[in-house]
Amino acid sequence: MAEKDLEMLGEVASATRADSLPERIARLKREIARGEAVYSGSELRLLQRRLEECELQLDVLLRP
């Protein structure tokens, strides 16, 4: 079974990694694409919610 990204699920904190919003969005999309082979339905919904939050934050930052 493939490894879950526990950082994306909020189960571990990374002291060495600080993603930019575009990087975090890309990571979330990559993890969501792995689907139910790796994540449960509730975990996928959590990742999707985090993706939507990041995309909203990026949209707000990029508004003129």
PDB file of N, CA and C in Angstrom:
ATOM      1  N   MET A   1       0.847  -1.191   0.000  1.00  0.00           N
ATOM      2  CA  MET A   1       0.000   0.000   0.000  1.00  0.00           C
ATOM      3  C   MET A   1       0.886   1.246   0.000  1.00  0.00           C
ATOM      4  N   ALA A   2       0.496   2.233  -0.762  1.00  0.00           N
ATOM      5  CA  ALA A   2       1.263   3.471  -0.873  1.00  0.00           C
ATOM      6  C   ALA A   2       1.148   4.276   0.416  1.00  0.00           C
ATOM      7  N   GLU A   3       2.169   5.051   0.673  1.00  0.00           N
ATOM      8  CA  GLU A   3       2.213   5.868   1.877  1.00  0.00           C
ATOM      9  C   GLU A   3       1.322   7.102   1.757  1.00  0.00           C
ATOM     10  N   LYS A   4       0.647   7.432   2.849  1.00  0.00           N
ATOM     11  CA  LYS A   4      -0.146   8.656   2.914  1.00  0.00           C
ATOM     12  C   LYS A   4       0.779   9.811   3.251  1.00  0.00           C
ATOM     13  N   ASP A   5       0.418  10.986   2.811  1.00  0.00           N
ATOM     14  CA  ASP A   5       1.154  12.200   3.181  1.00  0.00           C
ATOM     15  C   ASP A   5       0.525  12.700   4.473  1.00  0.00           C
ATOM     16  N   LEU A   6       1.083  12.291   5.594  1.00  0.00           N
ATOM     17  CA  LEU A   6       0.508  12.625   6.899  1.00  0.00           C
ATOM     18  C   LEU A   6       0.548  14.122   7.186  1.00  0.00           C
ATOM     19  N   GLU A   7       1.505  14.811   6.607  1.00  0.00           N
ATOM     20  CA  GLU A   7       1.570  16.262   6.781  1.00  0.00           C
ATOM     21  C   GLU A   7       0.341  16.927   6.155  1.00  0.00           C
ATOM     22  N   MET A   8      -0.044  16.466   4.955  1.00  0.00           N
ATOM     23  CA  MET A   8      -1.213  17.031   4.273  1.00  0.00           C
ATOM     24  C   MET A   8      -2.489  16.747   5.046  1.00  0.00           C
ATOM     25  N   LEU A   9      -2.513  15.639   5.778  1.00  0.00           N
ATOM     26  CA  LEU A   9      -3.683  15.299   6.586  1.00  0.00           C
ATOM     27  C   LEU A   9      -3.683  16.031   7.924  1.00  0.00           C
ATOM     28  N   GLY A  10      -2.580  16.709   8.235  1.00  0.00           N
ATOM     29  CA  GLY A  10      -2.488  17.450   9.490  1.00  0.00           C
ATOM     30  C   GLY A  10      -2.130  16.577  10.674  1.00  0.00           C
ATOM     31  N   GLU A  11      -1.627  15.368  10.411  1.00  0.00           N
ATOM     32  CA  GLU A  11      -1.286  14.444  11.489  1.00  0.00           C
ATOM     33  C   GLU A  11       0.138  14.629  11.991  1.00  0.00           C
ATOM     34  N   VAL A  12       0.978  15.229  11.173  1.00  0.00           N
ATOM     35  CA  VAL A  12       2.348  15.536  11.596  1.00  0.00           C
ATOM     36  C   VAL A  12       2.700  16.934  11.094  1.00  0.00           C
ATOM     37  N   ALA A  13       3.563  17.583  11.834  1.00  0.00           N
ATOM     38  CA  ALA A  13       4.031  18.907  11.421  1.00  0.00           C
ATOM     39  C   ALA A  13       5.439  18.762  10.875  1.00  0.00           C
ATOM     40  N   SER A  14       5.738  19.531   9.860  1.00  0.00           N
ATOM     41  CA  SER A  14       7.074  19.495   9.281  1.00  0.00           C
ATOM     42  C   SER A  14       7.830  20.750   9.680  1.00  0.00           C
ATOM     43  N   ALA A  15       8.903  20.551  10.394  1.00  0.00           N
ATOM     44  CA  ALA A  15       9.723  21.684  10.814  1.00  0.00           C
ATOM     45  C   ALA A  15      10.685  22.098   9.708  1.00  0.00           C
ATOM     46  N   THR A  16      10.845  21.241   8.705  1.00  0.00           N
ATOM     47  CA  THR A  16      11.834  21.518   7.673  1.00  0.00           C
ATOM     48  C   THR A  16      11.211  21.940   6.350  1.00  0.00           C
ATOM     49  N   ARG A  17       9.904  21.897   6.234  1.00  0.00           N
ATOM     50  CA  ARG A  17       9.264  22.175   4.955  1.00  0.00           C
ATOM     51  C   ARG A  17       8.299  23.348   5.092  1.00  0.00           C
ATOM     52  N   ALA A  18       8.416  24.292   4.192  1.00  0.00           N
ATOM     53  CA  ALA A  18       7.503  25.431   4.152  1.00  0.00           C
ATOM     54  C   ALA A  18       7.107  25.652   2.692  1.00  0.00           C
ATOM     55  N   ASP A  19       5.986  25.075   2.302  1.00  0.00           N
ATOM     56  CA  ASP A  19       5.515  25.197   0.924  1.00  0.00           C
ATOM     57  C   ASP A  19       4.934  26.573   0.661  1.00  0.00           C
ATOM     58  N   SER A  20       5.118  27.057  -0.549  1.00  0.00           N
ATOM     59  CA  SER A  20       4.379  28.235  -0.992  1.00  0.00           C
ATOM     60  C   SER A  20       2.958  27.761  -1.295  1.00  0.00           C
ATOM     61  N   LEU A  21       2.043  28.688  -1.443  1.00  0.00           N
ATOM     62  CA  LEU A  21       0.667  28.284  -1.764  1.00  0.00           C
ATOM     63  C   LEU A  21       0.585  27.481  -3.063  1.00  0.00           C
ATOM     64  N   PRO A  22       1.236  27.916  -4.144  1.00  0.00           N
ATOM     65  CA  PRO A  22       1.176  27.096  -5.364  1.00  0.00           C
ATOM     66  C   PRO A  22       1.755  25.685  -5.171  1.00  0.00           C
ATOM     67  N   GLU A  23       2.821  25.574  -4.382  1.00  0.00           N
ATOM     68  CA  GLU A  23       3.403  24.255  -4.111  1.00  0.00           C
ATOM     69  C   GLU A  23       2.440  23.396  -3.293  1.00  0.00           C
ATOM     70  N   ARG A  24       1.821  23.991  -2.291  1.00  0.00           N
ATOM     71  CA  ARG A  24       0.876  23.257  -1.447  1.00  0.00           C
ATOM     72  C   ARG A  24      -0.323  22.804  -2.283  1.00  0.00           C
ATOM     73  N   ILE A  25      -0.817  23.669  -3.162  1.00  0.00           N
ATOM     74  CA  ILE A  25      -1.944  23.316  -4.031  1.00  0.00           C
ATOM     75  C   ILE A  25      -1.557  22.133  -4.915  1.00  0.00           C
ATOM     76  N   ALA A  26      -0.375  22.168  -5.481  1.00  0.00           N
ATOM     77  CA  ALA A  26       0.092  21.069  -6.333  1.00  0.00           C
ATOM     78  C   ALA A  26       0.200  19.773  -5.539  1.00  0.00           C
ATOM     79  N   ARG A  27       0.731  19.845  -4.325  1.00  0.00           N
ATOM     80  CA  ARG A  27       0.850  18.646  -3.478  1.00  0.00           C
ATOM     81  C   ARG A  27      -0.525  18.087  -3.138  1.00  0.00           C
ATOM     82  N   LEU A  28      -1.456  18.973  -2.797  1.00  0.00           N
ATOM     83  CA  LEU A  28      -2.808  18.515  -2.456  1.00  0.00           C
ATOM     84  C   LEU A  28      -3.467  17.845  -3.661  1.00  0.00           C
ATOM     85  N   LYS A  29      -3.339  18.446  -4.828  1.00  0.00           N
ATOM     86  CA  LYS A  29      -3.924  17.852  -6.042  1.00  0.00           C
ATOM     87  C   LYS A  29      -3.317  16.488  -6.325  1.00  0.00           C
ATOM     88  N   ARG A  30      -2.005  16.373  -6.136  1.00  0.00           N
ATOM     89  CA  ARG A  30      -1.317  15.101  -6.362  1.00  0.00           C
ATOM     90  C   ARG A  30      -1.837  14.026  -5.403  1.00  0.00           C
ATOM     91  N   GLU A  31      -1.999  14.405  -4.143  1.00  0.00           N
ATOM     92  CA  GLU A  31      -2.476  13.441  -3.151  1.00  0.00           C
ATOM     93  C   GLU A  31      -3.934  13.055  -3.417  1.00  0.00           C
ATOM     94  N   ILE A  32      -4.768  14.022  -3.765  1.00  0.00           N
ATOM     95  CA  ILE A  32      -6.171  13.734  -4.066  1.00  0.00           C
ATOM     96  C   ILE A  32      -6.264  12.791  -5.260  1.00  0.00           C
ATOM     97  N   ALA A  33      -5.398  12.976  -6.245  1.00  0.00           N
ATOM     98  CA  ALA A  33      -5.406  12.129  -7.447  1.00  0.00           C
ATOM     99  C   ALA A  33      -5.067  10.677  -7.115  1.00  0.00           C
ATOM    100  N   ARG A  34      -4.376  10.446  -6.024  1.00  0.00           N
ATOM    101  CA  ARG A  34      -4.039   9.077  -5.623  1.00  0.00           C
ATOM    102  C   ARG A  34      -5.292   8.322  -5.183  1.00  0.00           C
ATOM    103  N   GLY A  35      -6.304   9.045  -4.756  1.00  0.00           N
ATOM    104  CA  GLY A  35      -7.619   8.488  -4.502  1.00  0.00           C
ATOM    105  C   GLY A  35      -7.726   7.461  -3.394  1.00  0.00           C
ATOM    106  N   GLU A  36      -8.755   6.632  -3.531  1.00  0.00           N
ATOM    107  CA  GLU A  36      -9.098   5.678  -2.486  1.00  0.00           C
ATOM    108  C   GLU A  36      -8.143   4.493  -2.411  1.00  0.00           C
ATOM    109  N   ALA A  37      -7.206   4.413  -3.330  1.00  0.00           N
ATOM    110  CA  ALA A  37      -6.176   3.383  -3.218  1.00  0.00           C
ATOM    111  C   ALA A  37      -5.264   3.680  -2.027  1.00  0.00           C
ATOM    112  N   VAL A  38      -5.219   4.968  -1.637  1.00  0.00           N
ATOM    113  CA  VAL A  38      -4.345   5.386  -0.545  1.00  0.00           C
ATOM    114  C   VAL A  38      -5.143   5.971   0.621  1.00  0.00           C
ATOM    115  N   TYR A  39      -6.154   6.781   0.320  1.00  0.00           N
ATOM    116  CA  TYR A  39      -6.883   7.529   1.343  1.00  0.00           C
ATOM    117  C   TYR A  39      -8.319   7.048   1.489  1.00  0.00           C
ATOM    118  N   SER A  40      -8.841   7.187   2.703  1.00  0.00           N
ATOM    119  CA  SER A  40     -10.253   6.882   2.936  1.00  0.00           C
ATOM    120  C   SER A  40     -11.096   8.035   2.386  1.00  0.00           C
ATOM    121  N   GLY A  41     -12.383   7.827   2.290  1.00  0.00           N
ATOM    122  CA  GLY A  41     -13.280   8.869   1.802  1.00  0.00           C
ATOM    123  C   GLY A  41     -13.216  10.124   2.650  1.00  0.00           C
ATOM    124  N   SER A  42     -13.174   9.959   3.961  1.00  0.00           N
ATOM    125  CA  SER A  42     -13.122  11.132   4.840  1.00  0.00           C
ATOM    126  C   SER A  42     -11.800  11.868   4.695  1.00  0.00           C
ATOM    127  N   GLU A  43     -10.710  11.146   4.490  1.00  0.00           N
ATOM    128  CA  GLU A  43      -9.411  11.792   4.278  1.00  0.00           C
ATOM    129  C   GLU A  43      -9.403  12.551   2.958  1.00  0.00           C
ATOM    130  N   LEU A  44     -10.005  11.984   1.923  1.00  0.00           N
ATOM    131  CA  LEU A  44     -10.078  12.680   0.638  1.00  0.00           C
ATOM    132  C   LEU A  44     -10.911  13.950   0.751  1.00  0.00           C
ATOM    133  N   ARG A  45     -11.990  13.907   1.512  1.00  0.00           N
ATOM    134  CA  ARG A  45     -12.807  15.117   1.712  1.00  0.00           C
ATOM    135  C   ARG A  45     -12.003  16.178   2.461  1.00  0.00           C
ATOM    136  N   LEU A  46     -11.218  15.767   3.438  1.00  0.00           N
ATOM    137  CA  LEU A  46     -10.359  16.704   4.174  1.00  0.00           C
ATOM    138  C   LEU A  46      -9.338  17.334   3.238  1.00  0.00           C
ATOM    139  N   LEU A  47      -8.692  16.529   2.409  1.00  0.00           N
ATOM    140  CA  LEU A  47      -7.718  17.057   1.455  1.00  0.00           C
ATOM    141  C   LEU A  47      -8.385  18.017   0.470  1.00  0.00           C
ATOM    142  N   GLN A  48      -9.580  17.675   0.013  1.00  0.00           N
ATOM    143  CA  GLN A  48     -10.314  18.532  -0.917  1.00  0.00           C
ATOM    144  C   GLN A  48     -10.654  19.867  -0.258  1.00  0.00           C
ATOM    145  N   ARG A  49     -11.082  19.823   1.000  1.00  0.00           N
ATOM    146  CA  ARG A  49     -11.409  21.049   1.732  1.00  0.00           C
ATOM    147  C   ARG A  49     -10.165  21.924   1.889  1.00  0.00           C
ATOM    148  N   ARG A  50      -9.035  21.299   2.209  1.00  0.00           N
ATOM    149  CA  ARG A  50      -7.782  22.060   2.342  1.00  0.00           C
ATOM    150  C   ARG A  50      -7.366  22.657   1.002  1.00  0.00           C
ATOM    151  N   LEU A  51      -7.568  21.912  -0.079  1.00  0.00           N
ATOM    152  CA  LEU A  51      -7.262  22.424  -1.412  1.00  0.00           C
ATOM    153  C   LEU A  51      -8.104  23.654  -1.711  1.00  0.00           C
ATOM    154  N   GLU A  52      -9.396  23.589  -1.431  1.00  0.00           N
ATOM    155  CA  GLU A  52     -10.282  24.726  -1.684  1.00  0.00           C
ATOM    156  C   GLU A  52      -9.865  25.939  -0.863  1.00  0.00           C
ATOM    157  N   GLU A  53      -9.456  25.718   0.384  1.00  0.00           N
ATOM    158  CA  GLU A  53      -9.001  26.820   1.234  1.00  0.00           C
ATOM    159  C   GLU A  53      -7.737  27.466   0.669  1.00  0.00           C
ATOM    160  N   CYS A  54      -6.801  26.651   0.232  1.00  0.00           N
ATOM    161  CA  CYS A  54      -5.550  27.170  -0.336  1.00  0.00           C
ATOM    162  C   CYS A  54      -5.814  27.934  -1.627  1.00  0.00           C
ATOM    163  N   GLU A  55      -6.686  27.399  -2.479  1.00  0.00           N
ATOM    164  CA  GLU A  55      -7.002  28.088  -3.735  1.00  0.00           C
ATOM    165  C   GLU A  55      -7.688  29.427  -3.460  1.00  0.00           C
ATOM    166  N   LEU A  56      -8.548  29.472  -2.449  1.00  0.00           N
ATOM    167  CA  LEU A  56      -9.204  30.727  -2.076  1.00  0.00           C
ATOM    168  C   LEU A  56      -8.174  31.731  -1.558  1.00  0.00           C
ATOM    169  N   GLN A  57      -7.261  31.282  -0.715  1.00  0.00           N
ATOM    170  CA  GLN A  57      -6.209  32.168  -0.200  1.00  0.00           C
ATOM    171  C   GLN A  57      -5.366  32.732  -1.340  1.00  0.00           C
ATOM    172  N   LEU A  58      -4.995  31.890  -2.271  1.00  0.00           N
ATOM    173  CA  LEU A  58      -4.190  32.328  -3.404  1.00  0.00           C
ATOM    174  C   LEU A  58      -4.964  33.335  -4.238  1.00  0.00           C
ATOM    175  N   ASP A  59      -6.241  33.074  -4.456  1.00  0.00           N
ATOM    176  CA  ASP A  59      -7.084  33.997  -5.226  1.00  0.00           C
ATOM    177  C   ASP A  59      -7.139  35.362  -4.549  1.00  0.00           C
ATOM    178  N   VAL A  60      -7.298  35.380  -3.240  1.00  0.00           N
ATOM    179  CA  VAL A  60      -7.359  36.646  -2.504  1.00  0.00           C
ATOM    180  C   VAL A  60      -6.025  37.390  -2.614  1.00  0.00           C
ATOM    181  N   LEU A  61      -4.930  36.670  -2.520  1.00  0.00           N
ATOM    182  CA  LEU A  61      -3.615  37.314  -2.594  1.00  0.00           C
ATOM    183  C   LEU A  61      -3.316  37.870  -3.986  1.00  0.00           C
ATOM    184  N   LEU A  62      -3.858  37.240  -5.004  1.00  0.00           N
ATOM    185  CA  LEU A  62      -3.554  37.666  -6.373  1.00  0.00           C
ATOM    186  C   LEU A  62      -4.521  38.701  -6.923  1.00  0.00           C
ATOM    187  N   ARG A  63      -5.566  39.025  -6.175  1.00  0.00           N
ATOM    188  CA  ARG A  63      -6.509  40.052  -6.636  1.00  0.00           C
ATOM    189  C   ARG A  63      -5.837  41.404  -6.672  1.00  0.00           C
ATOM    190  N   PRO A  64      -6.143  42.167  -7.732  1.00  0.00           N
ATOM    191  CA  PRO A  64      -5.550  43.515  -7.829  1.00  0.00           C
ATOM    192  C   PRO A  64      -6.187  44.478  -6.832  1.00  0.00           C
TER     193      PRO A  64
END
